[in-house]
């Protein structure tokens, strides 16, 4: 053993196996949100979103049954509809 600093090679080991890393593709933002996510998006409670839904102020997105006949039993909302709802709630400019 020498008492000097460790030598770090500047060139990669040519015999080392090469591994290619796949670049992670950015996930696009979700267009459909469930009730909890819609509540967070609107800044409201879950109870308030359920009340708006029951009153007909928010349109649900219904996914048709799958090819095997199984129903998709989730309540989903379109972000664009939520944005339109926000626009309706805004006070008129003064």
PDB file of N, CA and C in Angstrom:
ATOM      1  N   UNK A   1       0.839  -1.188   0.000  1.00  0.00           N
ATOM      2  CA  UNK A   1       0.000   0.000   0.000  1.00  0.00           C
ATOM      3  C   UNK A   1       0.870   1.232   0.000  1.00  0.00           C
ATOM      4  N   UNK A   2       0.498   2.156  -0.815  1.00  0.00           N
ATOM      5  CA  UNK A   2       1.231   3.411  -0.835  1.00  0.00           C
ATOM      6  C   UNK A   2       0.498   4.421   0.007  1.00  0.00           C
ATOM      7  N   UNK A   3       1.194   5.395   0.465  1.00  0.00           N
ATOM      8  CA  UNK A   3       0.595   6.393   1.325  1.00  0.00           C
ATOM      9  C   UNK A   3       0.013   7.558   0.574  1.00  0.00           C
ATOM     10  N   UNK A   4       0.072   7.533  -0.769  1.00  0.00           N
ATOM     11  CA  UNK A   4      -0.413   8.639  -1.582  1.00  0.00           C
ATOM     12  C   UNK A   4      -1.917   8.582  -1.793  1.00  0.00           C
ATOM     13  N   UNK A   5      -2.447   9.605  -2.456  1.00  0.00           N
ATOM     14  CA  UNK A   5      -3.877   9.636  -2.717  1.00  0.00           C
ATOM     15  C   UNK A   5      -4.275   8.554  -3.715  1.00  0.00           C
ATOM     16  N   UNK A   6      -5.527   8.153  -3.645  1.00  0.00           N
ATOM     17  CA  UNK A   6      -6.042   7.128  -4.546  1.00  0.00           C
ATOM     18  C   UNK A   6      -6.131   7.694  -5.949  1.00  0.00           C
ATOM     19  N   UNK A   7      -5.837   6.860  -6.917  1.00  0.00           N
ATOM     20  CA  UNK A   7      -5.888   7.282  -8.311  1.00  0.00           C
ATOM     21  C   UNK A   7      -7.242   6.903  -8.885  1.00  0.00           C
ATOM     22  N   UNK A   8      -7.919   7.875  -9.470  1.00  0.00           N
ATOM     23  CA  UNK A   8      -9.223   7.640 -10.076  1.00  0.00           C
ATOM     24  C   UNK A   8      -9.039   7.679 -11.579  1.00  0.00           C
ATOM     25  N   UNK A   9      -9.384   6.598 -12.298  1.00  0.00           N
ATOM     26  CA  UNK A   9      -9.205   6.609 -13.745  1.00  0.00           C
ATOM     27  C   UNK A   9     -10.134   7.618 -14.409  1.00  0.00           C
ATOM     28  N   UNK A  10      -9.606   8.323 -15.411  1.00  0.00           N
ATOM     29  CA  UNK A  10     -10.389   9.312 -16.134  1.00  0.00           C
ATOM     30  C   UNK A  10     -11.150   8.700 -17.300  1.00  0.00           C
ATOM     31  N   UNK A  11     -10.798   7.491 -17.698  1.00  0.00           N
ATOM     32  CA  UNK A  11     -11.451   6.809 -18.805  1.00  0.00           C
ATOM     33  C   UNK A  11     -12.233   5.641 -18.245  1.00  0.00           C
ATOM     34  N   UNK A  12     -13.442   5.457 -18.769  1.00  0.00           N
ATOM     35  CA  UNK A  12     -14.268   4.351 -18.293  1.00  0.00           C
ATOM     36  C   UNK A  12     -13.623   3.028 -18.652  1.00  0.00           C
ATOM     37  N   UNK A  13     -13.889   2.036 -17.865  1.00  0.00           N
ATOM     38  CA  UNK A  13     -13.352   0.706 -18.092  1.00  0.00           C
ATOM     39  C   UNK A  13     -13.964   0.137 -19.374  1.00  0.00           C
ATOM     40  N   UNK A  14     -13.157  -0.129 -20.408  1.00  0.00           N
ATOM     41  CA  UNK A  14     -13.726  -0.615 -21.667  1.00  0.00           C
ATOM     42  C   UNK A  14     -14.287  -2.020 -21.569  1.00  0.00           C
ATOM     43  N   UNK A  15     -13.921  -2.775 -20.560  1.00  0.00           N
ATOM     44  CA  UNK A  15     -14.438  -4.130 -20.421  1.00  0.00           C
ATOM     45  C   UNK A  15     -15.698  -4.186 -19.566  1.00  0.00           C
ATOM     46  N   UNK A  16     -16.067  -3.068 -18.961  1.00  0.00           N
ATOM     47  CA  UNK A  16     -17.266  -3.055 -18.123  1.00  0.00           C
ATOM     48  C   UNK A  16     -18.505  -3.138 -19.007  1.00  0.00           C
ATOM     49  N   UNK A  17     -19.505  -3.890 -18.573  1.00  0.00           N
ATOM     50  CA  UNK A  17     -20.728  -3.985 -19.384  1.00  0.00           C
ATOM     51  C   UNK A  17     -21.413  -2.627 -19.457  1.00  0.00           C
ATOM     52  N   UNK A  18     -21.917  -2.314 -20.632  1.00  0.00           N
ATOM     53  CA  UNK A  18     -22.594  -1.030 -20.800  1.00  0.00           C
ATOM     54  C   UNK A  18     -24.078  -1.218 -20.541  1.00  0.00           C
ATOM     55  N   UNK A  19     -24.632  -0.289 -19.855  1.00  0.00           N
ATOM     56  CA  UNK A  19     -26.068  -0.313 -19.594  1.00  0.00           C
ATOM     57  C   UNK A  19     -26.655   0.979 -20.125  1.00  0.00           C
ATOM     58  N   UNK A  20     -27.716   0.841 -20.868  1.00  0.00           N
ATOM     59  CA  UNK A  20     -28.397   2.020 -21.392  1.00  0.00           C
ATOM     60  C   UNK A  20     -29.551   2.352 -20.468  1.00  0.00           C
ATOM     61  N   UNK A  21     -29.578   3.560 -20.054  1.00  0.00           N
ATOM     62  CA  UNK A  21     -30.686   4.012 -19.216  1.00  0.00           C
ATOM     63  C   UNK A  21     -31.763   4.597 -20.106  1.00  0.00           C
ATOM     64  N   UNK A  22     -32.964   4.221 -19.828  1.00  0.00           N
ATOM     65  CA  UNK A  22     -34.076   4.810 -20.564  1.00  0.00           C
ATOM     66  C   UNK A  22     -34.418   6.145 -19.939  1.00  0.00           C
ATOM     67  N   UNK A  23     -34.657   7.091 -20.798  1.00  0.00           N
ATOM     68  CA  UNK A  23     -35.056   8.393 -20.282  1.00  0.00           C
ATOM     69  C   UNK A  23     -36.510   8.328 -19.853  1.00  0.00           C
ATOM     70  N   UNK A  24     -36.739   8.826 -18.698  1.00  0.00           N
ATOM     71  CA  UNK A  24     -38.105   8.841 -18.198  1.00  0.00           C
ATOM     72  C   UNK A  24     -38.898   9.909 -18.945  1.00  0.00           C
ATOM     73  N   UNK A  25     -40.015   9.501 -19.501  1.00  0.00           N
ATOM     74  CA  UNK A  25     -40.868  10.458 -20.191  1.00  0.00           C
ATOM     75  C   UNK A  25     -41.728  11.160 -19.157  1.00  0.00           C
ATOM     76  N   UNK A  26     -41.832  12.468 -19.253  1.00  0.00           N
ATOM     77  CA  UNK A  26     -42.653  13.171 -18.273  1.00  0.00           C
ATOM     78  C   UNK A  26     -44.118  12.749 -18.415  1.00  0.00           C
ATOM     79  N   UNK A  27     -44.744  12.545 -17.304  1.00  0.00           N
ATOM     80  CA  UNK A  27     -46.147  12.167 -17.297  1.00  0.00           C
ATOM     81  C   UNK A  27     -46.993  13.410 -17.527  1.00  0.00           C
ATOM     82  N   UNK A  28     -47.901  13.363 -18.504  1.00  0.00           N
ATOM     83  CA  UNK A  28     -48.747  14.534 -18.711  1.00  0.00           C
ATOM     84  C   UNK A  28     -49.700  14.699 -17.530  1.00  0.00           C
ATOM     85  N   UNK A  29     -50.127  15.916 -17.274  1.00  0.00           N
ATOM     86  CA  UNK A  29     -51.051  16.107 -16.161  1.00  0.00           C
ATOM     87  C   UNK A  29     -52.361  15.372 -16.424  1.00  0.00           C
ATOM     88  N   UNK A  30     -52.938  14.848 -15.378  1.00  0.00           N
ATOM     89  CA  UNK A  30     -54.187  14.098 -15.508  1.00  0.00           C
ATOM     90  C   UNK A  30     -55.316  15.028 -15.924  1.00  0.00           C
ATOM     91  N   UNK A  31     -56.111  14.589 -16.884  1.00  0.00           N
ATOM     92  CA  UNK A  31     -57.258  15.380 -17.316  1.00  0.00           C
ATOM     93  C   UNK A  31     -58.494  15.016 -16.512  1.00  0.00           C
ATOM     94  N   UNK A  32     -58.599  13.752 -16.101  1.00  0.00           N
ATOM     95  CA  UNK A  32     -59.726  13.306 -15.302  1.00  0.00           C
ATOM     96  C   UNK A  32     -59.279  13.151 -13.857  1.00  0.00           C
ATOM     97  N   UNK A  33     -60.068  13.700 -12.962  1.00  0.00           N
ATOM     98  CA  UNK A  33     -59.751  13.655 -11.533  1.00  0.00           C
ATOM     99  C   UNK A  33     -60.871  12.957 -10.779  1.00  0.00           C
ATOM    100  N   UNK A  34     -60.515  12.206  -9.744  1.00  0.00           N
ATOM    101  CA  UNK A  34     -61.542  11.637  -8.882  1.00  0.00           C
ATOM    102  C   UNK A  34     -62.012  12.715  -7.909  1.00  0.00           C
ATOM    103  N   UNK A  35     -62.955  12.348  -7.052  1.00  0.00           N
ATOM    104  CA  UNK A  35     -63.543  13.365  -6.162  1.00  0.00           C
ATOM    105  C   UNK A  35     -62.509  14.031  -5.264  1.00  0.00           C
ATOM    106  N   UNK A  36     -61.634  13.228  -4.684  1.00  0.00           N
ATOM    107  CA  UNK A  36     -60.637  13.795  -3.763  1.00  0.00           C
ATOM    108  C   UNK A  36     -59.687  14.735  -4.505  1.00  0.00           C
ATOM    109  N   UNK A  37     -59.243  14.337  -5.694  1.00  0.00           N
ATOM    110  CA  UNK A  37     -58.334  15.182  -6.469  1.00  0.00           C
ATOM    111  C   UNK A  37     -59.055  16.439  -6.947  1.00  0.00           C
ATOM    112  N   UNK A  38     -60.334  16.311  -7.312  1.00  0.00           N
ATOM    113  CA  UNK A  38     -61.113  17.483  -7.729  1.00  0.00           C
ATOM    114  C   UNK A  38     -61.266  18.454  -6.563  1.00  0.00           C
ATOM    115  N   UNK A  39     -61.465  17.927  -5.374  1.00  0.00           N
ATOM    116  CA  UNK A  39     -61.585  18.783  -4.191  1.00  0.00           C
ATOM    117  C   UNK A  39     -60.281  19.547  -3.959  1.00  0.00           C
ATOM    118  N   UNK A  40     -59.147  18.855  -4.072  1.00  0.00           N
ATOM    119  CA  UNK A  40     -57.849  19.530  -3.910  1.00  0.00           C
ATOM    120  C   UNK A  40     -57.644  20.566  -5.006  1.00  0.00           C
ATOM    121  N   UNK A  41     -58.021  20.218  -6.226  1.00  0.00           N
ATOM    122  CA  UNK A  41     -57.854  21.129  -7.363  1.00  0.00           C
ATOM    123  C   UNK A  41     -58.660  22.408  -7.159  1.00  0.00           C
ATOM    124  N   UNK A  42     -59.881  22.263  -6.668  1.00  0.00           N
ATOM    125  CA  UNK A  42     -60.747  23.422  -6.443  1.00  0.00           C
ATOM    126  C   UNK A  42     -60.471  24.137  -5.127  1.00  0.00           C
ATOM    127  N   UNK A  43     -59.715  23.500  -4.244  1.00  0.00           N
ATOM    128  CA  UNK A  43     -59.456  24.092  -2.936  1.00  0.00           C
ATOM    129  C   UNK A  43     -60.665  23.992  -2.023  1.00  0.00           C
ATOM    130  N   UNK A  44     -61.464  22.949  -2.220  1.00  0.00           N
ATOM    131  CA  UNK A  44     -62.679  22.751  -1.431  1.00  0.00           C
ATOM    132  C   UNK A  44     -62.580  21.434  -0.676  1.00  0.00           C
ATOM    133  N   UNK A  45     -63.520  21.250   0.233  1.00  0.00           N
ATOM    134  CA  UNK A  45     -63.587  19.979   0.937  1.00  0.00           C
ATOM    135  C   UNK A  45     -64.246  18.936   0.046  1.00  0.00           C
ATOM    136  N   UNK A  46     -64.029  17.681   0.375  1.00  0.00           N
ATOM    137  CA  UNK A  46     -64.661  16.590  -0.351  1.00  0.00           C
ATOM    138  C   UNK A  46     -66.176  16.692  -0.245  1.00  0.00           C
ATOM    139  N   UNK A  47     -66.658  17.068   0.915  1.00  0.00           N
ATOM    140  CA  UNK A  47     -68.105  17.223   1.126  1.00  0.00           C
ATOM    141  C   UNK A  47     -68.679  18.306   0.217  1.00  0.00           C
ATOM    142  N   UNK A  48     -67.931  19.389   0.017  1.00  0.00           N
ATOM    143  CA  UNK A  48     -68.402  20.462  -0.861  1.00  0.00           C
ATOM    144  C   UNK A  48     -68.473  19.988  -2.314  1.00  0.00           C
ATOM    145  N   UNK A  49     -67.497  19.204  -2.748  1.00  0.00           N
ATOM    146  CA  UNK A  49     -67.509  18.684  -4.114  1.00  0.00           C
ATOM    147  C   UNK A  49     -68.683  17.722  -4.302  1.00  0.00           C
ATOM    148  N   UNK A  50     -68.938  16.877  -3.324  1.00  0.00           N
ATOM    149  CA  UNK A  50     -70.092  15.965  -3.405  1.00  0.00           C
ATOM    150  C   UNK A  50     -71.381  16.774  -3.481  1.00  0.00           C
ATOM    151  N   UNK A  51     -71.477  17.848  -2.700  1.00  0.00           N
ATOM    152  CA  UNK A  51     -72.665  18.697  -2.747  1.00  0.00           C
ATOM    153  C   UNK A  51     -72.838  19.379  -4.098  1.00  0.00           C
ATOM    154  N   UNK A  52     -71.731  19.863  -4.684  1.00  0.00           N
ATOM    155  CA  UNK A  52     -71.801  20.477  -6.016  1.00  0.00           C
ATOM    156  C   UNK A  52     -72.202  19.455  -7.068  1.00  0.00           C
ATOM    157  N   UNK A  53     -71.711  18.245  -6.920  1.00  0.00           N
ATOM    158  CA  UNK A  53     -72.072  17.167  -7.843  1.00  0.00           C
ATOM    159  C   UNK A  53     -73.556  16.833  -7.709  1.00  0.00           C
ATOM    160  N   UNK A  54     -74.027  16.655  -6.497  1.00  0.00           N
ATOM    161  CA  UNK A  54     -75.434  16.309  -6.275  1.00  0.00           C
ATOM    162  C   UNK A  54     -76.370  17.413  -6.759  1.00  0.00           C
ATOM    163  N   UNK A  55     -75.911  18.661  -6.695  1.00  0.00           N
ATOM    164  CA  UNK A  55     -76.729  19.787  -7.149  1.00  0.00           C
ATOM    165  C   UNK A  55     -76.655  19.979  -8.668  1.00  0.00           C
ATOM    166  N   UNK A  56     -75.777  19.221  -9.335  1.00  0.00           N
ATOM    167  CA  UNK A  56     -75.671  19.310 -10.779  1.00  0.00           C
ATOM    168  C   UNK A  56     -74.752  20.409 -11.276  1.00  0.00           C
ATOM    169  N   UNK A  57     -73.922  20.958 -10.422  1.00  0.00           N
ATOM    170  CA  UNK A  57     -73.012  22.027 -10.829  1.00  0.00           C
ATOM    171  C   UNK A  57     -71.741  21.502 -11.490  1.00  0.00           C
ATOM    172  N   UNK A  58     -71.406  20.248 -11.231  1.00  0.00           N
ATOM    173  CA  UNK A  58     -70.221  19.639 -11.820  1.00  0.00           C
ATOM    174  C   UNK A  58     -70.687  18.448 -12.656  1.00  0.00           C
ATOM    175  N   UNK A  59     -70.210  18.393 -13.896  1.00  0.00           N
ATOM    176  CA  UNK A  59     -70.567  17.273 -14.773  1.00  0.00           C
ATOM    177  C   UNK A  59     -69.630  16.107 -14.541  1.00  0.00           C
ATOM    178  N   UNK A  60     -70.205  14.926 -14.393  1.00  0.00           N
ATOM    179  CA  UNK A  60     -69.410  13.705 -14.234  1.00  0.00           C
ATOM    180  C   UNK A  60     -68.989  13.184 -15.598  1.00  0.00           C
ATOM    181  N   UNK A  61     -67.872  12.495 -15.609  1.00  0.00           N
ATOM    182  CA  UNK A  61     -67.427  11.782 -16.797  1.00  0.00           C
ATOM    183  C   UNK A  61     -67.685  10.307 -16.538  1.00  0.00           C
ATOM    184  N   UNK A  62     -68.484   9.702 -17.396  1.00  0.00           N
ATOM    185  CA  UNK A  62     -68.791   8.276 -17.247  1.00  0.00           C
ATOM    186  C   UNK A  62     -68.038   7.493 -18.314  1.00  0.00           C
ATOM    187  N   UNK A  63     -67.250   6.543 -17.869  1.00  0.00           N
ATOM    188  CA  UNK A  63     -66.500   5.697 -18.777  1.00  0.00           C
ATOM    189  C   UNK A  63     -67.384   4.502 -19.116  1.00  0.00           C
ATOM    190  N   UNK A  64     -67.550   4.195 -20.407  1.00  0.00           N
ATOM    191  CA  UNK A  64     -68.415   3.072 -20.779  1.00  0.00           C
ATOM    192  C   UNK A  64     -67.858   1.750 -20.257  1.00  0.00           C
ATOM    193  N   UNK A  65     -68.713   0.732 -20.166  1.00  0.00           N
ATOM    194  CA  UNK A  65     -68.229  -0.571 -19.689  1.00  0.00           C
ATOM    195  C   UNK A  65     -67.088  -1.100 -20.556  1.00  0.00           C
ATOM    196  N   UNK A  66     -66.224  -1.854 -19.930  1.00  0.00           N
ATOM    197  CA  UNK A  66     -65.095  -2.445 -20.627  1.00  0.00           C
ATOM    198  C   UNK A  66     -65.585  -3.542 -21.572  1.00  0.00           C
ATOM    199  N   UNK A  67     -64.683  -4.046 -22.403  1.00  0.00           N
ATOM    200  CA  UNK A  67     -65.074  -5.059 -23.382  1.00  0.00           C
ATOM    201  C   UNK A  67     -65.589  -6.334 -22.729  1.00  0.00           C
ATOM    202  N   UNK A  68     -65.158  -6.616 -21.510  1.00  0.00           N
ATOM    203  CA  UNK A  68     -65.640  -7.810 -20.818  1.00  0.00           C
ATOM    204  C   UNK A  68     -66.938  -7.535 -20.061  1.00  0.00           C
ATOM    205  N   UNK A  69     -67.494  -6.338 -20.213  1.00  0.00           N
ATOM    206  CA  UNK A  69     -68.760  -5.999 -19.573  1.00  0.00           C
ATOM    207  C   UNK A  69     -68.632  -5.411 -18.189  1.00  0.00           C
ATOM    208  N   UNK A  70     -67.412  -5.383 -17.655  1.00  0.00           N
ATOM    209  CA  UNK A  70     -67.205  -4.836 -16.310  1.00  0.00           C
ATOM    210  C   UNK A  70     -67.348  -3.314 -16.343  1.00  0.00           C
ATOM    211  N   UNK A  71     -68.063  -2.806 -15.368  1.00  0.00           N
ATOM    212  CA  UNK A  71     -68.278  -1.368 -15.286  1.00  0.00           C
ATOM    213  C   UNK A  71     -67.109  -0.703 -14.564  1.00  0.00           C
ATOM    214  N   UNK A  72     -66.773   0.491 -15.009  1.00  0.00           N
ATOM    215  CA  UNK A  72     -65.778   1.300 -14.317  1.00  0.00           C
ATOM    216  C   UNK A  72     -66.560   2.133 -13.314  1.00  0.00           C
ATOM    217  N   UNK A  73     -66.423   1.809 -12.068  1.00  0.00           N
ATOM    218  CA  UNK A  73     -67.247   2.432 -11.035  1.00  0.00           C
ATOM    219  C   UNK A  73     -66.487   3.524 -10.304  1.00  0.00           C
ATOM    220  N   UNK A  74     -66.086   4.524 -11.061  1.00  0.00           N
ATOM    221  CA  UNK A  74     -65.396   5.664 -10.460  1.00  0.00           C
ATOM    222  C   UNK A  74     -66.110   6.925 -10.870  1.00  0.00           C
ATOM    223  N   UNK A  75     -66.196   7.855  -9.953  1.00  0.00           N
ATOM    224  CA  UNK A  75     -66.736   9.175 -10.265  1.00  0.00           C
ATOM    225  C   UNK A  75     -65.554  10.036 -10.668  1.00  0.00           C
ATOM    226  N   UNK A  76     -65.581  10.541 -11.902  1.00  0.00           N
ATOM    227  CA  UNK A  76     -64.471  11.328 -12.422  1.00  0.00           C
ATOM    228  C   UNK A  76     -64.986  12.662 -12.937  1.00  0.00           C
ATOM    229  N   UNK A  77     -64.106  13.669 -12.880  1.00  0.00           N
ATOM    230  CA  UNK A  77     -64.440  15.008 -13.348  1.00  0.00           C
ATOM    231  C   UNK A  77     -63.348  15.477 -14.299  1.00  0.00           C
ATOM    232  N   UNK A  78     -63.749  16.191 -15.336  1.00  0.00           N
ATOM    233  CA  UNK A  78     -62.823  16.741 -16.314  1.00  0.00           C
ATOM    234  C   UNK A  78     -62.257  18.050 -15.764  1.00  0.00           C
ATOM    235  N   UNK A  79     -60.950  18.189 -15.840  1.00  0.00           N
ATOM    236  CA  UNK A  79     -60.288  19.401 -15.351  1.00  0.00           C
ATOM    237  C   UNK A  79     -60.834  20.634 -16.077  1.00  0.00           C
ATOM    238  N   UNK A  80     -61.150  20.484 -17.363  1.00  0.00           N
ATOM    239  CA  UNK A  80     -61.670  21.624 -18.128  1.00  0.00           C
ATOM    240  C   UNK A  80     -63.021  22.084 -17.594  1.00  0.00           C
ATOM    241  N   UNK A  81     -63.851  21.141 -17.162  1.00  0.00           N
ATOM    242  CA  UNK A  81     -65.136  21.515 -16.554  1.00  0.00           C
ATOM    243  C   UNK A  81     -64.916  22.216 -15.215  1.00  0.00           C
ATOM    244  N   UNK A  82     -63.926  21.752 -14.474  1.00  0.00           N
ATOM    245  CA  UNK A  82     -63.624  22.407 -13.195  1.00  0.00           C
ATOM    246  C   UNK A  82     -63.102  23.820 -13.440  1.00  0.00           C
ATOM    247  N   UNK A  83     -62.277  23.985 -14.475  1.00  0.00           N
ATOM    248  CA  UNK A  83     -61.788  25.326 -14.817  1.00  0.00           C
ATOM    249  C   UNK A  83     -62.945  26.232 -15.230  1.00  0.00           C
ATOM    250  N   UNK A  84     -63.891  25.701 -16.001  1.00  0.00           N
ATOM    251  CA  UNK A  84     -65.052  26.491 -16.414  1.00  0.00           C
ATOM    252  C   UNK A  84     -65.896  26.882 -15.203  1.00  0.00           C
ATOM    253  N   UNK A  85     -66.012  25.981 -14.242  1.00  0.00           N
ATOM    254  CA  UNK A  85     -66.751  26.287 -13.021  1.00  0.00           C
ATOM    255  C   UNK A  85     -66.078  27.426 -12.256  1.00  0.00           C
ATOM    256  N   UNK A  86     -64.763  27.387 -12.186  1.00  0.00           N
ATOM    257  CA  UNK A  86     -64.017  28.458 -11.516  1.00  0.00           C
ATOM    258  C   UNK A  86     -64.271  29.785 -12.216  1.00  0.00           C
ATOM    259  N   UNK A  87     -64.265  29.775 -13.554  1.00  0.00           N
ATOM    260  CA  UNK A  87     -64.515  31.006 -14.314  1.00  0.00           C
ATOM    261  C   UNK A  87     -65.911  31.557 -14.012  1.00  0.00           C
ATOM    262  N   UNK A  88     -66.880  30.678 -13.856  1.00  0.00           N
ATOM    263  CA  UNK A  88     -68.253  31.123 -13.532  1.00  0.00           C
ATOM    264  C   UNK A  88     -68.342  31.743 -12.140  1.00  0.00           C
ATOM    265  N   UNK A  89     -67.504  31.268 -11.244  1.00  0.00           N
ATOM    266  CA  UNK A  89     -67.550  31.762  -9.871  1.00  0.00           C
ATOM    267  C   UNK A  89     -66.871  33.108  -9.697  1.00  0.00           C
ATOM    268  N   UNK A  90     -66.079  33.514 -10.642  1.00  0.00           N
ATOM    269  CA  UNK A  90     -65.326  34.758 -10.487  1.00  0.00           C
ATOM    270  C   UNK A  90     -66.251  35.967 -10.460  1.00  0.00           C
ATOM    271  N   UNK A  91     -65.887  36.929  -9.629  1.00  0.00           N
ATOM    272  CA  UNK A  91     -66.604  38.188  -9.601  1.00  0.00           C
ATOM    273  C   UNK A  91     -66.343  38.950 -10.891  1.00  0.00           C
ATOM    274  N   UNK A  92     -67.328  39.712 -11.363  1.00  0.00           N
ATOM    275  CA  UNK A  92     -67.072  40.512 -12.563  1.00  0.00           C
ATOM    276  C   UNK A  92     -66.031  41.590 -12.263  1.00  0.00           C
ATOM    277  N   UNK A  93     -65.286  42.020 -13.280  1.00  0.00           N
ATOM    278  CA  UNK A  93     -64.290  43.071 -13.042  1.00  0.00           C
ATOM    279  C   UNK A  93     -64.977  44.368 -12.641  1.00  0.00           C
ATOM    280  N   UNK A  94     -64.297  45.127 -11.844  1.00  0.00           N
ATOM    281  CA  UNK A  94     -64.889  46.394 -11.356  1.00  0.00           C
ATOM    282  C   UNK A  94     -64.495  47.545 -12.226  1.00  0.00           C
TER     283      UNK A  94
END
